[in-house]
Protein backbone atom coordinates (compact mmCIF):
# COMPACT_ATOMS: atom_id res chain seq x y z
CA GLY A 1 101.07 105.35 137.76
CA LYS A 2 102.36 108.16 135.68
CA PHE A 3 104.77 110.99 136.37
CA CYS A 4 105.33 114.48 134.97
CA PRO A 5 108.96 114.92 133.89
CA SER A 6 108.74 118.72 133.96
CA LEU A 7 106.52 121.55 135.16
CA GLY A 8 103.63 122.34 132.88
CA THR A 9 103.52 118.83 131.40
CA ILE A 10 100.22 118.08 129.72
CA SER A 11 98.46 114.73 130.08
CA ASP A 12 99.56 113.34 126.71
CA THR A 13 103.24 113.70 127.69
CA LEU A 14 102.96 111.88 131.03
CA GLN A 15 105.31 108.93 131.29
CA ASP A 16 104.91 105.54 132.95
CA CYS A 17 106.39 104.96 136.36
CA ALA A 18 109.30 102.48 136.13
CA ALA A 19 108.82 98.80 136.92
CA GLY A 20 109.58 98.14 140.59
CA PHE A 21 108.19 101.52 141.72
CA GLU A 22 104.84 102.98 142.77
CA CYS A 23 104.01 106.47 141.47
CA VAL A 24 101.01 108.34 142.82
CA GLU A 25 99.84 111.87 142.11
CA GLY A 26 102.57 114.50 142.02
CA CYS A 27 105.62 112.47 140.97
CA SER A 28 108.23 114.21 138.86
CA VAL A 29 110.41 111.12 138.35
CA GLY A 30 109.57 107.53 137.41
CA THR A 31 111.81 106.10 140.13
CA PRO A 32 110.85 108.02 143.29
CA PRO A 33 113.04 107.50 146.38
CA ALA A 34 111.64 105.65 149.39
CA ASP A 35 111.05 108.84 151.39
CA ASP A 36 109.12 110.63 148.61
CA ASP A 37 105.46 111.53 149.21
CA CYS A 38 104.58 110.61 145.62
CA GLY A 39 105.60 106.95 145.82
CA GLY A 40 108.78 104.92 146.07
CA PRO A 41 110.14 101.44 145.51
CA CYS A 42 107.49 98.74 145.38
CA PRO A 43 106.95 97.60 148.99
CA LYS A 44 107.82 94.15 150.31
CA GLY A 45 105.05 91.63 149.63
CA LYS A 46 104.16 93.27 146.30
CA PHE A 47 105.43 93.57 142.74
CA CYS A 48 105.02 96.63 140.50
CA VAL A 49 104.91 96.52 136.72
CA ALA A 50 105.65 99.71 134.77
CA GLY A 51 102.86 102.27 134.84
CA GLN A 52 101.18 101.12 138.07
CA SER A 53 100.26 103.53 140.84
CA GLU A 54 100.07 100.69 143.37
CA GLY A 55 101.75 97.28 143.43
CA GLU A 56 99.99 93.93 143.20
CA LYS A 57 100.32 91.48 146.09
CA CYS A 58 102.57 88.45 145.66
CA PRO A 59 100.33 85.43 144.94
CA LEU A 60 99.44 82.50 147.17
CA GLY A 61 102.36 80.14 147.76
CA THR A 62 104.90 82.98 147.55
CA TYR A 63 106.19 85.98 149.48
CA GLY A 64 108.04 89.19 148.63
CA LYS A 65 111.03 89.54 150.93
CA THR A 66 112.63 92.47 149.13
CA PRO A 67 111.28 95.81 147.89
CA GLY A 68 111.32 96.74 144.21
CA LEU A 69 110.00 93.52 142.64
CA THR A 70 108.90 94.02 139.02
CA ARG A 71 106.81 90.89 138.28
CA SER A 72 105.07 88.04 140.09
CA SER A 73 107.80 85.57 139.11
CA GLU A 74 110.21 87.53 141.34
CA CYS A 75 108.14 86.65 144.41
CA THR A 76 109.89 83.87 146.36
CA ALA A 77 108.35 80.40 146.58
CA CYS A 78 107.29 79.55 150.13
CA ASP A 79 110.07 77.99 152.21
CA SER A 80 109.98 74.27 153.04
CA GLY A 81 108.18 73.67 156.32
CA PHE A 82 105.84 76.65 155.86
CA ILE A 83 102.52 77.40 154.17
CA CYS A 84 102.13 80.74 152.39
CA ASP A 85 98.33 80.74 152.55
CA SER A 86 97.60 84.40 151.91
CA VAL A 87 98.60 86.98 149.30
CA GLY A 88 101.07 89.80 149.94
CA LEU A 89 103.25 88.06 152.53
CA VAL A 90 106.68 89.54 153.30
CA GLU A 91 107.86 86.29 154.89
CA PRO A 92 106.42 82.83 155.56
CA VAL A 93 104.67 82.85 158.95
CA THR A 94 102.48 79.74 159.06
CA PRO A 95 104.38 76.55 159.91
CA CYS A 96 103.34 73.37 158.18
CA THR A 97 100.58 71.52 160.05
CA ALA A 98 101.83 68.73 162.35
CA GLY A 99 101.81 65.39 160.56
CA TYR A 100 102.27 66.96 157.10
CA TYR A 101 105.33 67.69 155.01
CA CYS A 102 105.40 71.05 153.23
CA GLN A 103 108.01 71.47 150.54
CA SER A 104 108.69 74.62 148.58
């Protein structure tokens, strides 16, 4: 995503939204607060690189327990005893299958 730092900004002066934030249409800052209609910190379960209007989901085997992640490597590896078998998890929810050992 991009934001307009001032009124009357033309498209070639738009700036990238900051890493860790989502900026959608109408943002005037690159780090919108959580209660702003134009975006906010990257939600749990996702990471947001600079210039994105929407975050990408944390990959399989990981989860995003905190908002504002800036890259996939900041997603947390699945906890021992759990399987993180879908993308975009905010916490591990699937326990390891009986008879198997699941390590992080």
